[in-house]
Amino acid sequence: MVAVDPAYHGRGLAVPLTAAGLAHLARRGLRAVVLYVDGDNDRALRTYRRLGFTDLEVHAQYRRVPAAAKMEP
């Protein structure tokens, strides 16, 4: 897992940190990497796309809303 403390967001750390992790994996012989990120994590998505990653799969999770919580149209 790679993360940047929110206190340090916006300081340009995500791309070099992620690139260092990818370089480490490459030195260990890995030729492919699959990342998982929540779809609402815009910062992480931008970081990974800057590094050349594209969507491989998109998963969605749903839950049933109790009838009492449903709002009338």
PDB file of N, CA and C in Angstrom:
ATOM      1  N   MET A   1       0.850  -1.175   0.000  1.00  0.00           N
ATOM      2  CA  MET A   1       0.000   0.000   0.000  1.00  0.00           C
ATOM      3  C   MET A   1       0.891   1.233   0.000  1.00  0.00           C
ATOM      4  N   VAL A   2       0.495   2.186  -0.795  1.00  0.00           N
ATOM      5  CA  VAL A   2       1.209   3.457  -0.860  1.00  0.00           C
ATOM      6  C   VAL A   2       0.216   4.551  -0.524  1.00  0.00           C
ATOM      7  N   ALA A   3       0.621   5.452   0.331  1.00  0.00           N
ATOM      8  CA  ALA A   3      -0.256   6.564   0.692  1.00  0.00           C
ATOM      9  C   ALA A   3       0.587   7.761   1.087  1.00  0.00           C
ATOM     10  N   VAL A   4       0.006   8.935   0.932  1.00  0.00           N
ATOM     11  CA  VAL A   4       0.646  10.173   1.369  1.00  0.00           C
ATOM     12  C   VAL A   4      -0.231  10.754   2.472  1.00  0.00           C
ATOM     13  N   ASP A   5       0.371  11.060   3.591  1.00  0.00           N
ATOM     14  CA  ASP A   5      -0.352  11.673   4.707  1.00  0.00           C
ATOM     15  C   ASP A   5      -1.083  12.915   4.200  1.00  0.00           C
ATOM     16  N   PRO A   6      -2.364  13.067   4.547  1.00  0.00           N
ATOM     17  CA  PRO A   6      -3.109  14.237   4.077  1.00  0.00           C
ATOM     18  C   PRO A   6      -2.425  15.570   4.379  1.00  0.00           C
ATOM     19  N   ALA A   7      -1.652  15.640   5.436  1.00  0.00           N
ATOM     20  CA  ALA A   7      -0.942  16.878   5.758  1.00  0.00           C
ATOM     21  C   ALA A   7       0.086  17.232   4.685  1.00  0.00           C
ATOM     22  N   TYR A   8       0.461  16.264   3.845  1.00  0.00           N
ATOM     23  CA  TYR A   8       1.468  16.485   2.809  1.00  0.00           C
ATOM     24  C   TYR A   8       0.882  16.437   1.401  1.00  0.00           C
ATOM     25  N   HIS A   9      -0.446  16.370   1.272  1.00  0.00           N
ATOM     26  CA  HIS A   9      -1.080  16.382  -0.051  1.00  0.00           C
ATOM     27  C   HIS A   9      -0.732  17.681  -0.771  1.00  0.00           C
ATOM     28  N   GLY A  10      -0.627  17.592  -2.076  1.00  0.00           N
ATOM     29  CA  GLY A  10      -0.389  18.782  -2.880  1.00  0.00           C
ATOM     30  C   GLY A  10       1.062  19.206  -2.946  1.00  0.00           C
ATOM     31  N   ARG A  11       1.965  18.402  -2.433  1.00  0.00           N
ATOM     32  CA  ARG A  11       3.385  18.765  -2.437  1.00  0.00           C
ATOM     33  C   ARG A  11       4.189  17.998  -3.485  1.00  0.00           C
ATOM     34  N   GLY A  12       3.492  17.290  -4.357  1.00  0.00           N
ATOM     35  CA  GLY A  12       4.185  16.588  -5.430  1.00  0.00           C
ATOM     36  C   GLY A  12       4.889  15.315  -5.002  1.00  0.00           C
ATOM     37  N   LEU A  13       4.429  14.683  -3.934  1.00  0.00           N
ATOM     38  CA  LEU A  13       5.093  13.480  -3.426  1.00  0.00           C
ATOM     39  C   LEU A  13       4.555  12.185  -4.023  1.00  0.00           C
ATOM     40  N   ALA A  14       3.308  12.175  -4.464  1.00  0.00           N
ATOM     41  CA  ALA A  14       2.669  10.923  -4.878  1.00  0.00           C
ATOM     42  C   ALA A  14       3.349  10.277  -6.080  1.00  0.00           C
ATOM     43  N   VAL A  15       3.629  11.055  -7.121  1.00  0.00           N
ATOM     44  CA  VAL A  15       4.231  10.471  -8.320  1.00  0.00           C
ATOM     45  C   VAL A  15       5.624   9.907  -8.027  1.00  0.00           C
ATOM     46  N   PRO A  16       6.532  10.672  -7.394  1.00  0.00           N
ATOM     47  CA  PRO A  16       7.852  10.081  -7.134  1.00  0.00           C
ATOM     48  C   PRO A  16       7.802   8.902  -6.166  1.00  0.00           C
ATOM     49  N   LEU A  17       6.903   8.935  -5.187  1.00  0.00           N
ATOM     50  CA  LEU A  17       6.776   7.826  -4.252  1.00  0.00           C
ATOM     51  C   LEU A  17       6.290   6.571  -4.975  1.00  0.00           C
ATOM     52  N   THR A  18       5.286   6.744  -5.817  1.00  0.00           N
ATOM     53  CA  THR A  18       4.762   5.610  -6.578  1.00  0.00           C
ATOM     54  C   THR A  18       5.808   5.097  -7.564  1.00  0.00           C
ATOM     55  N   ALA A  19       6.510   5.996  -8.235  1.00  0.00           N
ATOM     56  CA  ALA A  19       7.557   5.600  -9.181  1.00  0.00           C
ATOM     57  C   ALA A  19       8.668   4.830  -8.471  1.00  0.00           C
ATOM     58  N   ALA A  20       9.023   5.243  -7.267  1.00  0.00           N
ATOM     59  CA  ALA A  20      10.045   4.512  -6.503  1.00  0.00           C
ATOM     60  C   ALA A  20       9.565   3.105  -6.174  1.00  0.00           C
ATOM     61  N   GLY A  21       8.303   2.968  -5.801  1.00  0.00           N
ATOM     62  CA  GLY A  21       7.746   1.639  -5.524  1.00  0.00           C
ATOM     63  C   GLY A  21       7.741   0.766  -6.757  1.00  0.00           C
ATOM     64  N   LEU A  22       7.375   1.336  -7.897  1.00  0.00           N
ATOM     65  CA  LEU A  22       7.371   0.580  -9.150  1.00  0.00           C
ATOM     66  C   LEU A  22       8.790   0.175  -9.555  1.00  0.00           C
ATOM     67  N   ALA A  23       9.761   1.067  -9.356  1.00  0.00           N
ATOM     68  CA  ALA A  23      11.154   0.746  -9.672  1.00  0.00           C
ATOM     69  C   ALA A  23      11.645  -0.395  -8.789  1.00  0.00           C
ATOM     70  N   HIS A  24      11.263  -0.372  -7.526  1.00  0.00           N
ATOM     71  CA  HIS A  24      11.642  -1.450  -6.604  1.00  0.00           C
ATOM     72  C   HIS A  24      11.087  -2.786  -7.097  1.00  0.00           C
ATOM     73  N   LEU A  25       9.819  -2.793  -7.499  1.00  0.00           N
ATOM     74  CA  LEU A  25       9.210  -4.025  -8.000  1.00  0.00           C
ATOM     75  C   LEU A  25       9.896  -4.494  -9.281  1.00  0.00           C
ATOM     76  N   ALA A  26      10.257  -3.565 -10.148  1.00  0.00           N
ATOM     77  CA  ALA A  26      10.949  -3.919 -11.398  1.00  0.00           C
ATOM     78  C   ALA A  26      12.305  -4.550 -11.091  1.00  0.00           C
ATOM     79  N   ARG A  27      13.028  -4.000 -10.112  1.00  0.00           N
ATOM     80  CA  ARG A  27      14.330  -4.577  -9.729  1.00  0.00           C
ATOM     81  C   ARG A  27      14.169  -5.991  -9.189  1.00  0.00           C
ATOM     82  N   ARG A  28      13.005  -6.281  -8.638  1.00  0.00           N
ATOM     83  CA  ARG A  28      12.736  -7.629  -8.118  1.00  0.00           C
ATOM     84  C   ARG A  28      12.243  -8.571  -9.200  1.00  0.00           C
ATOM     85  N   GLY A  29      12.173  -8.073 -10.438  1.00  0.00           N
ATOM     86  CA  GLY A  29      11.824  -8.917 -11.564  1.00  0.00           C
ATOM     87  C   GLY A  29      10.367  -8.896 -11.987  1.00  0.00           C
ATOM     88  N   LEU A  30       9.545  -8.103 -11.336  1.00  0.00           N
ATOM     89  CA  LEU A  30       8.143  -8.039 -11.735  1.00  0.00           C
ATOM     90  C   LEU A  30       8.023  -7.287 -13.055  1.00  0.00           C
ATOM     91  N   ARG A  31       7.291  -7.862 -13.982  1.00  0.00           N
ATOM     92  CA  ARG A  31       7.138  -7.254 -15.302  1.00  0.00           C
ATOM     93  C   ARG A  31       5.764  -6.627 -15.484  1.00  0.00           C
ATOM     94  N   ALA A  32       4.847  -6.874 -14.558  1.00  0.00           N
ATOM     95  CA  ALA A  32       3.503  -6.301 -14.638  1.00  0.00           C
ATOM     96  C   ALA A  32       3.019  -5.968 -13.232  1.00  0.00           C
ATOM     97  N   VAL A  33       2.232  -4.918 -13.132  1.00  0.00           N
ATOM     98  CA  VAL A  33       1.683  -4.487 -11.846  1.00  0.00           C
ATOM     99  C   VAL A  33       0.209  -4.171 -12.049  1.00  0.00           C
ATOM    100  N   VAL A  34      -0.631  -4.644 -11.146  1.00  0.00           N
ATOM    101  CA  VAL A  34      -2.051  -4.305 -11.154  1.00  0.00           C
ATOM    102  C   VAL A  34      -2.317  -3.524  -9.878  1.00  0.00           C
ATOM    103  N   LEU A  35      -2.907  -2.366 -10.024  1.00  0.00           N
ATOM    104  CA  LEU A  35      -3.227  -1.515  -8.884  1.00  0.00           C
ATOM    105  C   LEU A  35      -4.714  -1.570  -8.617  1.00  0.00           C
ATOM    106  N   TYR A  36      -5.093  -1.379  -7.364  1.00  0.00           N
ATOM    107  CA  TYR A  36      -6.508  -1.244  -7.016  1.00  0.00           C
ATOM    108  C   TYR A  36      -6.676   0.108  -6.352  1.00  0.00           C
ATOM    109  N   VAL A  37      -7.651   0.850  -6.789  1.00  0.00           N
ATOM    110  CA  VAL A  37      -7.937   2.151  -6.181  1.00  0.00           C
ATOM    111  C   VAL A  37      -9.442   2.368  -6.203  1.00  0.00           C
ATOM    112  N   ASP A  38      -9.959   2.959  -5.141  1.00  0.00           N
ATOM    113  CA  ASP A  38     -11.379   3.306  -5.107  1.00  0.00           C
ATOM    114  C   ASP A  38     -11.666   4.347  -6.183  1.00  0.00           C
ATOM    115  N   GLY A  39     -12.776   4.192  -6.870  1.00  0.00           N
ATOM    116  CA  GLY A  39     -13.129   5.076  -7.973  1.00  0.00           C
ATOM    117  C   GLY A  39     -13.337   6.519  -7.586  1.00  0.00           C
ATOM    118  N   ASP A  40     -13.577   6.782  -6.307  1.00  0.00           N
ATOM    119  CA  ASP A  40     -13.762   8.169  -5.881  1.00  0.00           C
ATOM    120  C   ASP A  40     -12.471   8.798  -5.365  1.00  0.00           C
ATOM    121  N   ASN A  41     -11.360   8.086  -5.499  1.00  0.00           N
ATOM    122  CA  ASN A  41     -10.065   8.614  -5.071  1.00  0.00           C
ATOM    123  C   ASN A  41      -9.405   9.310  -6.261  1.00  0.00           C
ATOM    124  N   ASP A  42      -9.893  10.515  -6.546  1.00  0.00           N
ATOM    125  CA  ASP A  42      -9.436  11.242  -7.731  1.00  0.00           C
ATOM    126  C   ASP A  42      -7.939  11.500  -7.737  1.00  0.00           C
ATOM    127  N   ARG A  43      -7.359  11.808  -6.591  1.00  0.00           N
ATOM    128  CA  ARG A  43      -5.914  12.077  -6.535  1.00  0.00           C
ATOM    129  C   ARG A  43      -5.110  10.856  -6.957  1.00  0.00           C
ATOM    130  N   ALA A  44      -5.470   9.694  -6.422  1.00  0.00           N
ATOM    131  CA  ALA A  44      -4.746   8.471  -6.766  1.00  0.00           C
ATOM    132  C   ALA A  44      -4.939   8.128  -8.241  1.00  0.00           C
ATOM    133  N   LEU A  45      -6.156   8.278  -8.745  1.00  0.00           N
ATOM    134  CA  LEU A  45      -6.413   7.991 -10.155  1.00  0.00           C
ATOM    135  C   LEU A  45      -5.565   8.883 -11.050  1.00  0.00           C
ATOM    136  N   ARG A  46      -5.477  10.167 -10.729  1.00  0.00           N
ATOM    137  CA  ARG A  46      -4.638  11.077 -11.531  1.00  0.00           C
ATOM    138  C   ARG A  46      -3.172  10.660 -11.468  1.00  0.00           C
ATOM    139  N   THR A  47      -2.711  10.291 -10.276  1.00  0.00           N
ATOM    140  CA  THR A  47      -1.315   9.862 -10.124  1.00  0.00           C
ATOM    141  C   THR A  47      -1.026   8.653 -10.999  1.00  0.00           C
ATOM    142  N   TYR A  48      -1.865   7.641 -10.913  1.00  0.00           N
ATOM    143  CA  TYR A  48      -1.625   6.411 -11.668  1.00  0.00           C
ATOM    144  C   TYR A  48      -1.739   6.659 -13.168  1.00  0.00           C
ATOM    145  N   ARG A  49      -2.652   7.492 -13.578  1.00  0.00           N
ATOM    146  CA  ARG A  49      -2.781   7.790 -15.010  1.00  0.00           C
ATOM    147  C   ARG A  49      -1.571   8.566 -15.516  1.00  0.00           C
ATOM    148  N   ARG A  50      -1.024   9.463 -14.692  1.00  0.00           N
ATOM    149  CA  ARG A  50       0.208  10.174 -15.072  1.00  0.00           C
ATOM    150  C   ARG A  50       1.359   9.203 -15.299  1.00  0.00           C
ATOM    151  N   LEU A  51       1.337   8.096 -14.571  1.00  0.00           N
ATOM    152  CA  LEU A  51       2.393   7.095 -14.689  1.00  0.00           C
ATOM    153  C   LEU A  51       2.102   6.069 -15.788  1.00  0.00           C
ATOM    154  N   GLY A  52       1.030   6.284 -16.545  1.00  0.00           N
ATOM    155  CA  GLY A  52       0.744   5.431 -17.688  1.00  0.00           C
ATOM    156  C   GLY A  52      -0.233   4.298 -17.450  1.00  0.00           C
ATOM    157  N   PHE A  53      -0.800   4.198 -16.269  1.00  0.00           N
ATOM    158  CA  PHE A  53      -1.775   3.137 -15.988  1.00  0.00           C
ATOM    159  C   PHE A  53      -3.117   3.479 -16.620  1.00  0.00           C
ATOM    160  N   THR A  54      -3.838   2.452 -17.031  1.00  0.00           N
ATOM    161  CA  THR A  54      -5.185   2.601 -17.575  1.00  0.00           C
ATOM    162  C   THR A  54      -6.099   1.619 -16.851  1.00  0.00           C
ATOM    163  N   ASP A  55      -7.408   1.822 -16.994  1.00  0.00           N
ATOM    164  CA  ASP A  55      -8.372   0.933 -16.347  1.00  0.00           C
ATOM    165  C   ASP A  55      -8.321  -0.446 -16.980  1.00  0.00           C
ATOM    166  N   LEU A  56      -8.179  -1.455 -16.151  1.00  0.00           N
ATOM    167  CA  LEU A  56      -8.227  -2.842 -16.594  1.00  0.00           C
ATOM    168  C   LEU A  56      -9.611  -3.410 -16.323  1.00  0.00           C
ATOM    169  N   GLU A  57     -10.096  -3.145 -15.124  1.00  0.00           N
ATOM    170  CA  GLU A  57     -11.428  -3.577 -14.704  1.00  0.00           C
ATOM    171  C   GLU A  57     -12.027  -2.482 -13.832  1.00  0.00           C
ATOM    172  N   VAL A  58     -13.334  -2.401 -13.844  1.00  0.00           N
ATOM    173  CA  VAL A  58     -14.039  -1.484 -12.957  1.00  0.00           C
ATOM    174  C   VAL A  58     -15.065  -2.308 -12.207  1.00  0.00           C
ATOM    175  N   HIS A  59     -15.017  -2.255 -10.886  1.00  0.00           N
ATOM    176  CA  HIS A  59     -15.941  -3.006 -10.040  1.00  0.00           C
ATOM    177  C   HIS A  59     -16.853  -2.022  -9.324  1.00  0.00           C
ATOM    178  N   ALA A  60     -18.077  -2.421  -9.102  1.00  0.00           N
ATOM    179  CA  ALA A  60     -19.025  -1.587  -8.368  1.00  0.00           C
ATOM    180  C   ALA A  60     -19.602  -2.403  -7.218  1.00  0.00           C
ATOM    181  N   GLN A  61     -19.806  -1.746  -6.111  1.00  0.00           N
ATOM    182  CA  GLN A  61     -20.428  -2.391  -4.960  1.00  0.00           C
ATOM    183  C   GLN A  61     -21.745  -1.679  -4.670  1.00  0.00           C
ATOM    184  N   TYR A  62     -22.719  -2.460  -4.333  1.00  0.00           N
ATOM    185  CA  TYR A  62     -24.043  -1.914  -4.040  1.00  0.00           C
ATOM    186  C   TYR A  62     -24.524  -2.456  -2.702  1.00  0.00           C
ATOM    187  N   ARG A  63     -25.457  -1.729  -2.123  1.00  0.00           N
ATOM    188  CA  ARG A  63     -26.094  -2.218  -0.913  1.00  0.00           C
ATOM    189  C   ARG A  63     -27.572  -1.862  -0.998  1.00  0.00           C
ATOM    190  N   ARG A  64     -28.365  -2.648  -0.308  1.00  0.00           N
ATOM    191  CA  ARG A  64     -29.804  -2.400  -0.287  1.00  0.00           C
ATOM    192  C   ARG A  64     -30.088  -1.289   0.714  1.00  0.00           C
ATOM    193  N   VAL A  65     -30.896  -0.340   0.302  1.00  0.00           N
ATOM    194  CA  VAL A  65     -31.299   0.743   1.189  1.00  0.00           C
ATOM    195  C   VAL A  65     -32.576   0.295   1.893  1.00  0.00           C
ATOM    196  N   PRO A  66     -32.599   0.331   3.230  1.00  0.00           N
ATOM    197  CA  PRO A  66     -33.821  -0.075   3.953  1.00  0.00           C
ATOM    198  C   PRO A  66     -35.015   0.753   3.484  1.00  0.00           C
ATOM    199  N   ALA A  67     -36.193   0.141   3.414  1.00  0.00           N
ATOM    200  CA  ALA A  67     -37.385   0.794   2.915  1.00  0.00           C
ATOM    201  C   ALA A  67     -37.676   2.096   3.663  1.00  0.00           C
ATOM    202  N   ALA A  68     -37.420   2.137   4.953  1.00  0.00           N
ATOM    203  CA  ALA A  68     -37.694   3.338   5.747  1.00  0.00           C
ATOM    204  C   ALA A  68     -36.792   4.496   5.333  1.00  0.00           C
ATOM    205  N   ALA A  69     -35.657   4.210   4.755  1.00  0.00           N
ATOM    206  CA  ALA A  69     -34.720   5.266   4.363  1.00  0.00           C
ATOM    207  C   ALA A  69     -34.954   5.785   2.954  1.00  0.00           C
ATOM    208  N   LYS A  70     -35.777   5.084   2.168  1.00  0.00           N
ATOM    209  CA  LYS A  70     -36.035   5.514   0.794  1.00  0.00           C
ATOM    210  C   LYS A  70     -36.855   6.787   0.797  1.00  0.00           C
ATOM    211  N   MET A  71     -36.511   7.658  -0.114  1.00  0.00           N
ATOM    212  CA  MET A  71     -37.237   8.923  -0.217  1.00  0.00           C
ATOM    213  C   MET A  71     -38.225   8.840  -1.376  1.00  0.00           C
ATOM    214  N   GLU A  72     -39.325   9.489  -1.236  1.00  0.00           N
ATOM    215  CA  GLU A  72     -40.336   9.544  -2.311  1.00  0.00           C
ATOM    216  C   GLU A  72     -39.818  10.486  -3.385  1.00  0.00           C
ATOM    217  N   PRO A  73     -40.107  10.170  -4.656  1.00  0.00           N
ATOM    218  CA  PRO A  73     -39.677  11.041  -5.767  1.00  0.00           C
ATOM    219  C   PRO A  73     -40.387  12.361  -5.785  1.00  0.00           C
TER     220      PRO A  73
END
